[in-house]
């Protein structure tokens, strides 16, 4: 059961700790990895770096969409949107990683 809080007469769900950690960690890692990807042209074709970038983008996007689920009535909709986003981005990302390798 998720905890709820009321602030300024607005009730919302508290973000689970694991989701908060994924959002923050992926956000911190994205900047330097994208910079390396851009600044070192030979690494742009490295499948390991591309796969790592894809995993971090998927984690960041999923956690971001899930954190939008503040209202109880739309929580299932946001979960489905997060999963759908991950499937679409993951499919295209895997195609890129597979073809660049």
PDB file of N, CA and C in Angstrom:
ATOM      1  N   UNK A   1       0.848  -1.188   0.000  1.00  0.00           N
ATOM      2  CA  UNK A   1       0.000   0.000   0.000  1.00  0.00           C
ATOM      3  C   UNK A   1       0.885   1.239   0.000  1.00  0.00           C
ATOM      4  N   UNK A   2       0.582   2.162  -0.878  1.00  0.00           N
ATOM      5  CA  UNK A   2       1.389   3.366  -0.980  1.00  0.00           C
ATOM      6  C   UNK A   2       0.906   4.415   0.008  1.00  0.00           C
ATOM      7  N   UNK A   3       1.853   5.162   0.535  1.00  0.00           N
ATOM      8  CA  UNK A   3       1.521   6.229   1.467  1.00  0.00           C
ATOM      9  C   UNK A   3       0.963   7.427   0.701  1.00  0.00           C
ATOM     10  N   UNK A   4       0.096   8.150   1.369  1.00  0.00           N
ATOM     11  CA  UNK A   4      -0.471   9.354   0.776  1.00  0.00           C
ATOM     12  C   UNK A   4      -0.221  10.534   1.708  1.00  0.00           C
ATOM     13  N   UNK A   5      -0.156  11.706   1.123  1.00  0.00           N
ATOM     14  CA  UNK A   5       0.005  12.942   1.887  1.00  0.00           C
ATOM     15  C   UNK A   5      -0.975  13.969   1.380  1.00  0.00           C
ATOM     16  N   UNK A   6      -1.294  14.901   2.241  1.00  0.00           N
ATOM     17  CA  UNK A   6      -2.148  16.017   1.849  1.00  0.00           C
ATOM     18  C   UNK A   6      -1.375  17.302   2.115  1.00  0.00           C
ATOM     19  N   UNK A   7      -1.173  18.073   1.080  1.00  0.00           N
ATOM     20  CA  UNK A   7      -0.476  19.344   1.187  1.00  0.00           C
ATOM     21  C   UNK A   7      -1.327  20.393   0.486  1.00  0.00           C
ATOM     22  N   UNK A   8      -1.602  21.483   1.176  1.00  0.00           N
ATOM     23  CA  UNK A   8      -2.448  22.550   0.643  1.00  0.00           C
ATOM     24  C   UNK A   8      -3.770  21.990   0.127  1.00  0.00           C
ATOM     25  N   UNK A   9      -4.369  21.115   0.906  1.00  0.00           N
ATOM     26  CA  UNK A   9      -5.674  20.507   0.617  1.00  0.00           C
ATOM     27  C   UNK A   9      -5.665  19.644  -0.635  1.00  0.00           C
ATOM     28  N   UNK A  10      -4.509  19.201  -1.063  1.00  0.00           N
ATOM     29  CA  UNK A  10      -4.393  18.327  -2.238  1.00  0.00           C
ATOM     30  C   UNK A  10      -3.754  17.021  -1.804  1.00  0.00           C
ATOM     31  N   UNK A  11      -4.446  15.917  -2.035  1.00  0.00           N
ATOM     32  CA  UNK A  11      -3.937  14.612  -1.657  1.00  0.00           C
ATOM     33  C   UNK A  11      -3.178  14.005  -2.830  1.00  0.00           C
ATOM     34  N   UNK A  12      -2.017  13.453  -2.547  1.00  0.00           N
ATOM     35  CA  UNK A  12      -1.227  12.810  -3.588  1.00  0.00           C
ATOM     36  C   UNK A  12      -0.498  11.614  -3.005  1.00  0.00           C
ATOM     37  N   UNK A  13      -0.065  10.720  -3.893  1.00  0.00           N
ATOM     38  CA  UNK A  13       0.707   9.564  -3.478  1.00  0.00           C
ATOM     39  C   UNK A  13       2.173   9.931  -3.345  1.00  0.00           C
ATOM     40  N   UNK A  14       2.808   9.343  -2.377  1.00  0.00           N
ATOM     41  CA  UNK A  14       4.235   9.564  -2.183  1.00  0.00           C
ATOM     42  C   UNK A  14       4.991   8.669  -3.163  1.00  0.00           C
ATOM     43  N   UNK A  15       5.983   9.234  -3.833  1.00  0.00           N
ATOM     44  CA  UNK A  15       6.785   8.479  -4.792  1.00  0.00           C
ATOM     45  C   UNK A  15       7.568   7.397  -4.062  1.00  0.00           C
ATOM     46  N   UNK A  16       7.509   6.143  -4.542  1.00  0.00           N
ATOM     47  CA  UNK A  16       8.300   5.085  -3.909  1.00  0.00           C
ATOM     48  C   UNK A  16       9.797   5.410  -3.990  1.00  0.00           C
ATOM     49  N   UNK A  17      10.537   4.976  -2.988  1.00  0.00           N
ATOM     50  CA  UNK A  17      11.964   5.297  -2.904  1.00  0.00           C
ATOM     51  C   UNK A  17      12.724   4.771  -4.112  1.00  0.00           C
ATOM     52  N   UNK A  18      12.434   3.548  -4.562  1.00  0.00           N
ATOM     53  CA  UNK A  18      13.168   2.974  -5.688  1.00  0.00           C
ATOM     54  C   UNK A  18      12.969   3.805  -6.956  1.00  0.00           C
ATOM     55  N   UNK A  19      11.747   4.325  -7.125  1.00  0.00           N
ATOM     56  CA  UNK A  19      11.443   5.128  -8.307  1.00  0.00           C
ATOM     57  C   UNK A  19      12.164   6.474  -8.230  1.00  0.00           C
ATOM     58  N   UNK A  20      12.215   7.041  -7.053  1.00  0.00           N
ATOM     59  CA  UNK A  20      12.912   8.301  -6.845  1.00  0.00           C
ATOM     60  C   UNK A  20      14.406   8.132  -7.125  1.00  0.00           C
ATOM     61  N   UNK A  21      14.990   7.029  -6.650  1.00  0.00           N
ATOM     62  CA  UNK A  21      16.421   6.768  -6.864  1.00  0.00           C
ATOM     63  C   UNK A  21      16.718   6.569  -8.349  1.00  0.00           C
ATOM     64  N   UNK A  22      15.872   5.801  -9.053  1.00  0.00           N
ATOM     65  CA  UNK A  22      16.073   5.586 -10.494  1.00  0.00           C
ATOM     66  C   UNK A  22      16.022   6.912 -11.240  1.00  0.00           C
ATOM     67  N   UNK A  23      15.068   7.759 -10.908  1.00  0.00           N
ATOM     68  CA  UNK A  23      14.924   9.056 -11.583  1.00  0.00           C
ATOM     69  C   UNK A  23      16.161   9.919 -11.374  1.00  0.00           C
ATOM     70  N   UNK A  24      16.620  10.007 -10.138  1.00  0.00           N
ATOM     71  CA  UNK A  24      17.775  10.857  -9.842  1.00  0.00           C
ATOM     72  C   UNK A  24      19.070  10.291 -10.431  1.00  0.00           C
ATOM     73  N   UNK A  25      19.302   9.006 -10.243  1.00  0.00           N
ATOM     74  CA  UNK A  25      20.547   8.388 -10.731  1.00  0.00           C
ATOM     75  C   UNK A  25      20.640   8.450 -12.250  1.00  0.00           C
ATOM     76  N   UNK A  26      19.540   8.141 -12.923  1.00  0.00           N
ATOM     77  CA  UNK A  26      19.570   8.174 -14.384  1.00  0.00           C
ATOM     78  C   UNK A  26      19.744   9.594 -14.900  1.00  0.00           C
ATOM     79  N   UNK A  27      19.158  10.553 -14.219  1.00  0.00           N
ATOM     80  CA  UNK A  27      19.320  11.947 -14.622  1.00  0.00           C
ATOM     81  C   UNK A  27      20.762  12.418 -14.478  1.00  0.00           C
ATOM     82  N   UNK A  28      21.418  11.989 -13.410  1.00  0.00           N
ATOM     83  CA  UNK A  28      22.816  12.367 -13.191  1.00  0.00           C
ATOM     84  C   UNK A  28      23.735  11.679 -14.201  1.00  0.00           C
ATOM     85  N   UNK A  29      23.447  10.434 -14.546  1.00  0.00           N
ATOM     86  CA  UNK A  29      24.303   9.682 -15.466  1.00  0.00           C
ATOM     87  C   UNK A  29      24.121  10.087 -16.923  1.00  0.00           C
ATOM     88  N   UNK A  30      22.954  10.564 -17.282  1.00  0.00           N
ATOM     89  CA  UNK A  30      22.691  10.881 -18.688  1.00  0.00           C
ATOM     90  C   UNK A  30      23.621  11.957 -19.248  1.00  0.00           C
ATOM     91  N   UNK A  31      23.833  13.013 -18.505  1.00  0.00           N
ATOM     92  CA  UNK A  31      24.649  14.128 -18.991  1.00  0.00           C
ATOM     93  C   UNK A  31      26.055  13.709 -19.396  1.00  0.00           C
ATOM     94  N   UNK A  32      26.832  13.127 -18.492  1.00  0.00           N
ATOM     95  CA  UNK A  32      28.195  12.741 -18.862  1.00  0.00           C
ATOM     96  C   UNK A  32      28.254  11.677 -19.961  1.00  0.00           C
ATOM     97  N   UNK A  33      27.329  10.723 -19.938  1.00  0.00           N
ATOM     98  CA  UNK A  33      27.354   9.677 -20.965  1.00  0.00           C
ATOM     99  C   UNK A  33      27.006  10.225 -22.343  1.00  0.00           C
ATOM    100  N   UNK A  34      26.064  11.131 -22.414  1.00  0.00           N
ATOM    101  CA  UNK A  34      25.732  11.758 -23.703  1.00  0.00           C
ATOM    102  C   UNK A  34      26.904  12.609 -24.172  1.00  0.00           C
ATOM    103  N   UNK A  35      27.560  13.313 -23.250  1.00  0.00           N
ATOM    104  CA  UNK A  35      28.727  14.118 -23.615  1.00  0.00           C
ATOM    105  C   UNK A  35      29.839  13.228 -24.175  1.00  0.00           C
ATOM    106  N   UNK A  36      30.097  12.105 -23.538  1.00  0.00           N
ATOM    107  CA  UNK A  36      31.109  11.164 -24.046  1.00  0.00           C
ATOM    108  C   UNK A  36      30.697  10.648 -25.415  1.00  0.00           C
ATOM    109  N   UNK A  37      29.423  10.320 -25.555  1.00  0.00           N
ATOM    110  CA  UNK A  37      28.894   9.805 -26.816  1.00  0.00           C
ATOM    111  C   UNK A  37      29.104  10.802 -27.956  1.00  0.00           C
ATOM    112  N   UNK A  38      28.953  12.083 -27.662  1.00  0.00           N
ATOM    113  CA  UNK A  38      29.076  13.125 -28.682  1.00  0.00           C
ATOM    114  C   UNK A  38      30.532  13.536 -28.912  1.00  0.00           C
ATOM    115  N   UNK A  39      31.279  13.698 -27.837  1.00  0.00           N
ATOM    116  CA  UNK A  39      32.632  14.249 -27.942  1.00  0.00           C
ATOM    117  C   UNK A  39      33.679  13.242 -28.417  1.00  0.00           C
ATOM    118  N   UNK A  40      33.409  11.957 -28.249  1.00  0.00           N
ATOM    119  CA  UNK A  40      34.364  10.931 -28.698  1.00  0.00           C
ATOM    120  C   UNK A  40      33.687  10.156 -29.834  1.00  0.00           C
ATOM    121  N   UNK A  41      33.908  10.575 -31.076  1.00  0.00           N
ATOM    122  CA  UNK A  41      33.186   9.988 -32.212  1.00  0.00           C
ATOM    123  C   UNK A  41      33.356   8.467 -32.347  1.00  0.00           C
ATOM    124  N   UNK A  42      34.503   7.939 -31.956  1.00  0.00           N
ATOM    125  CA  UNK A  42      34.698   6.491 -32.099  1.00  0.00           C
ATOM    126  C   UNK A  42      33.812   5.704 -31.128  1.00  0.00           C
ATOM    127  N   UNK A  43      33.461   6.312 -30.006  1.00  0.00           N
ATOM    128  CA  UNK A  43      32.596   5.619 -29.049  1.00  0.00           C
ATOM    129  C   UNK A  43      31.127   5.630 -29.476  1.00  0.00           C
ATOM    130  N   UNK A  44      30.773   6.476 -30.427  1.00  0.00           N
ATOM    131  CA  UNK A  44      29.382   6.527 -30.881  1.00  0.00           C
ATOM    132  C   UNK A  44      28.960   5.219 -31.540  1.00  0.00           C
ATOM    133  N   UNK A  45      29.926   4.425 -31.985  1.00  0.00           N
ATOM    134  CA  UNK A  45      29.620   3.122 -32.591  1.00  0.00           C
ATOM    135  C   UNK A  45      29.847   1.963 -31.629  1.00  0.00           C
ATOM    136  N   UNK A  46      30.134   2.259 -30.386  1.00  0.00           N
ATOM    137  CA  UNK A  46      30.378   1.231 -29.387  1.00  0.00           C
ATOM    138  C   UNK A  46      29.037   0.673 -28.902  1.00  0.00           C
ATOM    139  N   UNK A  47      28.749  -0.613 -29.160  1.00  0.00           N
ATOM    140  CA  UNK A  47      27.455  -1.160 -28.762  1.00  0.00           C
ATOM    141  C   UNK A  47      27.244  -1.172 -27.249  1.00  0.00           C
ATOM    142  N   UNK A  48      28.309  -1.319 -26.480  1.00  0.00           N
ATOM    143  CA  UNK A  48      28.154  -1.325 -25.023  1.00  0.00           C
ATOM    144  C   UNK A  48      27.712   0.043 -24.516  1.00  0.00           C
ATOM    145  N   UNK A  49      28.337   1.103 -25.028  1.00  0.00           N
ATOM    146  CA  UNK A  49      27.944   2.457 -24.632  1.00  0.00           C
ATOM    147  C   UNK A  49      26.525   2.759 -25.097  1.00  0.00           C
ATOM    148  N   UNK A  50      26.188   2.362 -26.318  1.00  0.00           N
ATOM    149  CA  UNK A  50      24.834   2.604 -26.822  1.00  0.00           C
ATOM    150  C   UNK A  50      23.792   1.832 -26.017  1.00  0.00           C
ATOM    151  N   UNK A  51      24.102   0.606 -25.647  1.00  0.00           N
ATOM    152  CA  UNK A  51      23.174  -0.183 -24.831  1.00  0.00           C
ATOM    153  C   UNK A  51      23.019   0.427 -23.442  1.00  0.00           C
ATOM    154  N   UNK A  52      24.118   0.903 -22.870  1.00  0.00           N
ATOM    155  CA  UNK A  52      24.048   1.560 -21.564  1.00  0.00           C
ATOM    156  C   UNK A  52      23.216   2.836 -21.644  1.00  0.00           C
ATOM    157  N   UNK A  53      23.442   3.630 -22.671  1.00  0.00           N
ATOM    158  CA  UNK A  53      22.634   4.837 -22.863  1.00  0.00           C
ATOM    159  C   UNK A  53      21.152   4.495 -23.029  1.00  0.00           C
ATOM    160  N   UNK A  54      20.869   3.456 -23.795  1.00  0.00           N
ATOM    161  CA  UNK A  54      19.480   3.044 -23.990  1.00  0.00           C
ATOM    162  C   UNK A  54      18.847   2.630 -22.667  1.00  0.00           C
ATOM    163  N   UNK A  55      19.562   1.850 -21.867  1.00  0.00           N
ATOM    164  CA  UNK A  55      19.033   1.405 -20.569  1.00  0.00           C
ATOM    165  C   UNK A  55      18.771   2.589 -19.647  1.00  0.00           C
ATOM    166  N   UNK A  56      19.679   3.555 -19.639  1.00  0.00           N
ATOM    167  CA  UNK A  56      19.497   4.723 -18.773  1.00  0.00           C
ATOM    168  C   UNK A  56      18.345   5.589 -19.264  1.00  0.00           C
ATOM    169  N   UNK A  57      18.230   5.771 -20.571  1.00  0.00           N
ATOM    170  CA  UNK A  57      17.106   6.553 -21.117  1.00  0.00           C
ATOM    171  C   UNK A  57      15.785   5.865 -20.796  1.00  0.00           C
ATOM    172  N   UNK A  58      15.745   4.543 -20.932  1.00  0.00           N
ATOM    173  CA  UNK A  58      14.510   3.813 -20.604  1.00  0.00           C
ATOM    174  C   UNK A  58      14.166   3.954 -19.125  1.00  0.00           C
ATOM    175  N   UNK A  59      15.148   3.801 -18.270  1.00  0.00           N
ATOM    176  CA  UNK A  59      14.897   3.949 -16.829  1.00  0.00           C
ATOM    177  C   UNK A  59      14.446   5.349 -16.474  1.00  0.00           C
ATOM    178  N   UNK A  60      15.080   6.350 -17.061  1.00  0.00           N
ATOM    179  CA  UNK A  60      14.723   7.737 -16.767  1.00  0.00           C
ATOM    180  C   UNK A  60      13.320   8.068 -17.280  1.00  0.00           C
ATOM    181  N   UNK A  61      13.030   7.637 -18.494  1.00  0.00           N
ATOM    182  CA  UNK A  61      11.706   7.901 -19.056  1.00  0.00           C
ATOM    183  C   UNK A  61      10.603   7.185 -18.300  1.00  0.00           C
ATOM    184  N   UNK A  62      10.837   5.913 -17.965  1.00  0.00           N
ATOM    185  CA  UNK A  62       9.831   5.144 -17.229  1.00  0.00           C
ATOM    186  C   UNK A  62       9.558   5.782 -15.869  1.00  0.00           C
ATOM    187  N   UNK A  63      10.619   6.105 -15.149  1.00  0.00           N
ATOM    188  CA  UNK A  63      10.424   6.674 -13.814  1.00  0.00           C
ATOM    189  C   UNK A  63       9.782   8.055 -13.895  1.00  0.00           C
ATOM    190  N   UNK A  64      10.099   8.813 -14.936  1.00  0.00           N
ATOM    191  CA  UNK A  64       9.482  10.129 -15.097  1.00  0.00           C
ATOM    192  C   UNK A  64       7.997  10.054 -15.372  1.00  0.00           C
ATOM    193  N   UNK A  65       7.604   9.145 -16.253  1.00  0.00           N
ATOM    194  CA  UNK A  65       6.171   9.000 -16.558  1.00  0.00           C
ATOM    195  C   UNK A  65       5.426   8.438 -15.346  1.00  0.00           C
ATOM    196  N   UNK A  66       6.041   7.496 -14.644  1.00  0.00           N
ATOM    197  CA  UNK A  66       5.398   6.935 -13.450  1.00  0.00           C
ATOM    198  C   UNK A  66       5.216   7.978 -12.353  1.00  0.00           C
ATOM    199  N   UNK A  67       6.166   8.904 -12.251  1.00  0.00           N
ATOM    200  CA  UNK A  67       6.052   9.926 -11.211  1.00  0.00           C
ATOM    201  C   UNK A  67       4.943  10.923 -11.511  1.00  0.00           C
ATOM    202  N   UNK A  68       4.482  10.959 -12.751  1.00  0.00           N
ATOM    203  CA  UNK A  68       3.365  11.842 -13.091  1.00  0.00           C
ATOM    204  C   UNK A  68       2.042  11.335 -12.518  1.00  0.00           C
ATOM    205  N   UNK A  69       2.037  10.098 -12.059  1.00  0.00           N
ATOM    206  CA  UNK A  69       0.801   9.473 -11.580  1.00  0.00           C
ATOM    207  C   UNK A  69       0.451   9.964 -10.180  1.00  0.00           C
ATOM    208  N   UNK A  70       0.171  11.228 -10.061  1.00  0.00           N
ATOM    209  CA  UNK A  70      -0.154  11.798  -8.755  1.00  0.00           C
ATOM    210  C   UNK A  70      -1.612  11.552  -8.374  1.00  0.00           C
ATOM    211  N   UNK A  71      -2.486  11.546  -9.358  1.00  0.00           N
ATOM    212  CA  UNK A  71      -3.915  11.339  -9.085  1.00  0.00           C
ATOM    213  C   UNK A  71      -4.233   9.852  -9.074  1.00  0.00           C
ATOM    214  N   UNK A  72      -5.020   9.423  -8.117  1.00  0.00           N
ATOM    215  CA  UNK A  72      -5.352   8.001  -7.992  1.00  0.00           C
ATOM    216  C   UNK A  72      -6.092   7.470  -9.212  1.00  0.00           C
ATOM    217  N   UNK A  73      -6.992   8.243  -9.752  1.00  0.00           N
ATOM    218  CA  UNK A  73      -7.841   7.767 -10.847  1.00  0.00           C
ATOM    219  C   UNK A  73      -7.044   7.503 -12.119  1.00  0.00           C
ATOM    220  N   UNK A  74      -5.963   8.201 -12.303  1.00  0.00           N
ATOM    221  CA  UNK A  74      -5.199   8.048 -13.539  1.00  0.00           C
ATOM    222  C   UNK A  74      -3.939   7.205 -13.356  1.00  0.00           C
ATOM    223  N   UNK A  75      -3.732   6.631 -12.194  1.00  0.00           N
ATOM    224  CA  UNK A  75      -2.510   5.882 -11.934  1.00  0.00           C
ATOM    225  C   UNK A  75      -2.324   4.744 -12.931  1.00  0.00           C
ATOM    226  N   UNK A  76      -3.357   3.965 -13.186  1.00  0.00           N
ATOM    227  CA  UNK A  76      -3.244   2.842 -14.132  1.00  0.00           C
ATOM    228  C   UNK A  76      -2.935   3.348 -15.543  1.00  0.00           C
ATOM    229  N   UNK A  77      -3.511   4.465 -15.915  1.00  0.00           N
ATOM    230  CA  UNK A  77      -3.256   5.046 -17.231  1.00  0.00           C
ATOM    231  C   UNK A  77      -1.779   5.441 -17.371  1.00  0.00           C
ATOM    232  N   UNK A  78      -1.230   6.053 -16.347  1.00  0.00           N
ATOM    233  CA  UNK A  78       0.182   6.449 -16.396  1.00  0.00           C
ATOM    234  C   UNK A  78       1.115   5.242 -16.392  1.00  0.00           C
ATOM    235  N   UNK A  79       0.748   4.206 -15.657  1.00  0.00           N
ATOM    236  CA  UNK A  79       1.563   2.982 -15.669  1.00  0.00           C
ATOM    237  C   UNK A  79       1.570   2.382 -17.071  1.00  0.00           C
ATOM    238  N   UNK A  80       0.417   2.310 -17.708  1.00  0.00           N
ATOM    239  CA  UNK A  80       0.343   1.801 -19.081  1.00  0.00           C
ATOM    240  C   UNK A  80       1.103   2.698 -20.048  1.00  0.00           C
ATOM    241  N   UNK A  81       1.021   4.008 -19.853  1.00  0.00           N
ATOM    242  CA  UNK A  81       1.766   4.932 -20.709  1.00  0.00           C
ATOM    243  C   UNK A  81       3.270   4.735 -20.525  1.00  0.00           C
ATOM    244  N   UNK A  82       3.705   4.534 -19.297  1.00  0.00           N
ATOM    245  CA  UNK A  82       5.129   4.317 -19.029  1.00  0.00           C
ATOM    246  C   UNK A  82       5.618   3.029 -19.675  1.00  0.00           C
ATOM    247  N   UNK A  83       4.831   1.979 -19.567  1.00  0.00           N
ATOM    248  CA  UNK A  83       5.211   0.699 -20.167  1.00  0.00           C
ATOM    249  C   UNK A  83       5.214   0.814 -21.697  1.00  0.00           C
ATOM    250  N   UNK A  84       4.205   1.456 -22.253  1.00  0.00           N
ATOM    251  CA  UNK A  84       4.139   1.650 -23.706  1.00  0.00           C
ATOM    252  C   UNK A  84       5.310   2.473 -24.216  1.00  0.00           C
ATOM    253  N   UNK A  85       5.657   3.524 -23.492  1.00  0.00           N
ATOM    254  CA  UNK A  85       6.798   4.358 -23.873  1.00  0.00           C
ATOM    255  C   UNK A  85       8.073   3.522 -23.876  1.00  0.00           C
ATOM    256  N   UNK A  86       8.254   2.706 -22.847  1.00  0.00           N
ATOM    257  CA  UNK A  86       9.458   1.860 -22.766  1.00  0.00           C
ATOM    258  C   UNK A  86       9.509   0.857 -23.918  1.00  0.00           C
ATOM    259  N   UNK A  87       8.384   0.301 -24.293  1.00  0.00           N
ATOM    260  CA  UNK A  87       8.357  -0.671 -25.388  1.00  0.00           C
ATOM    261  C   UNK A  87       8.747  -0.007 -26.709  1.00  0.00           C
ATOM    262  N   UNK A  88       8.167   1.150 -26.982  1.00  0.00           N
ATOM    263  CA  UNK A  88       8.462   1.846 -28.253  1.00  0.00           C
ATOM    264  C   UNK A  88       9.914   2.305 -28.295  1.00  0.00           C
ATOM    265  N   UNK A  89      10.363   2.997 -27.264  1.00  0.00           N
ATOM    266  CA  UNK A  89      11.743   3.496 -27.242  1.00  0.00           C
ATOM    267  C   UNK A  89      12.733   2.334 -27.209  1.00  0.00           C
ATOM    268  N   UNK A  90      12.412   1.295 -26.436  1.00  0.00           N
ATOM    269  CA  UNK A  90      13.294   0.132 -26.366  1.00  0.00           C
ATOM    270  C   UNK A  90      13.425  -0.581 -27.698  1.00  0.00           C
ATOM    271  N   UNK A  91      12.329  -0.714 -28.415  1.00  0.00           N
ATOM    272  CA  UNK A  91      12.370  -1.380 -29.721  1.00  0.00           C
ATOM    273  C   UNK A  91      13.232  -0.605 -30.707  1.00  0.00           C
ATOM    274  N   UNK A  92      13.000   0.709 -30.801  1.00  0.00           N
ATOM    275  CA  UNK A  92      13.810   1.516 -31.713  1.00  0.00           C
ATOM    276  C   UNK A  92      15.270   1.582 -31.246  1.00  0.00           C
ATOM    277  N   UNK A  93      15.481   1.652 -29.946  1.00  0.00           N
ATOM    278  CA  UNK A  93      16.836   1.679 -29.418  1.00  0.00           C
ATOM    279  C   UNK A  93      17.593   0.400 -29.692  1.00  0.00           C
ATOM    280  N   UNK A  94      16.919  -0.731 -29.546  1.00  0.00           N
ATOM    281  CA  UNK A  94      17.562  -2.013 -29.849  1.00  0.00           C
ATOM    282  C   UNK A  94      17.903  -2.116 -31.334  1.00  0.00           C
ATOM    283  N   UNK A  95      17.038  -1.595 -32.186  1.00  0.00           N
ATOM    284  CA  UNK A  95      17.346  -1.568 -33.614  1.00  0.00           C
ATOM    285  C   UNK A  95      18.610  -0.742 -33.888  1.00  0.00           C
ATOM    286  N   UNK A  96      18.724   0.381 -33.225  1.00  0.00           N
ATOM    287  CA  UNK A  96      19.903   1.229 -33.410  1.00  0.00           C
ATOM    288  C   UNK A  96      21.153   0.520 -32.892  1.00  0.00           C
ATOM    289  N   UNK A  97      21.071  -0.024 -31.693  1.00  0.00           N
ATOM    290  CA  UNK A  97      22.233  -0.713 -31.106  1.00  0.00           C
ATOM    291  C   UNK A  97      22.650  -1.901 -31.982  1.00  0.00           C
ATOM    292  N   UNK A  98      21.659  -2.646 -32.487  1.00  0.00           N
ATOM    293  CA  UNK A  98      21.963  -3.834 -33.298  1.00  0.00           C
ATOM    294  C   UNK A  98      22.563  -3.461 -34.655  1.00  0.00           C
ATOM    295  N   UNK A  99      22.100  -2.383 -35.265  1.00  0.00           N
ATOM    296  CA  UNK A  99      22.585  -2.028 -36.598  1.00  0.00           C
ATOM    297  C   UNK A  99      23.921  -1.286 -36.566  1.00  0.00           C
ATOM    298  N   UNK A 100      24.201  -0.579 -35.494  1.00  0.00           N
ATOM    299  CA  UNK A 100      25.447   0.169 -35.387  1.00  0.00           C
ATOM    300  C   UNK A 100      26.603  -0.760 -35.044  1.00  0.00           C
ATOM    301  N   UNK A 101      26.310  -1.843 -34.360  1.00  0.00           N
ATOM    302  CA  UNK A 101      27.377  -2.763 -33.919  1.00  0.00           C
ATOM    303  C   UNK A 101      28.061  -3.410 -35.032  1.00  0.00           C
TER     304      UNK A 101
END
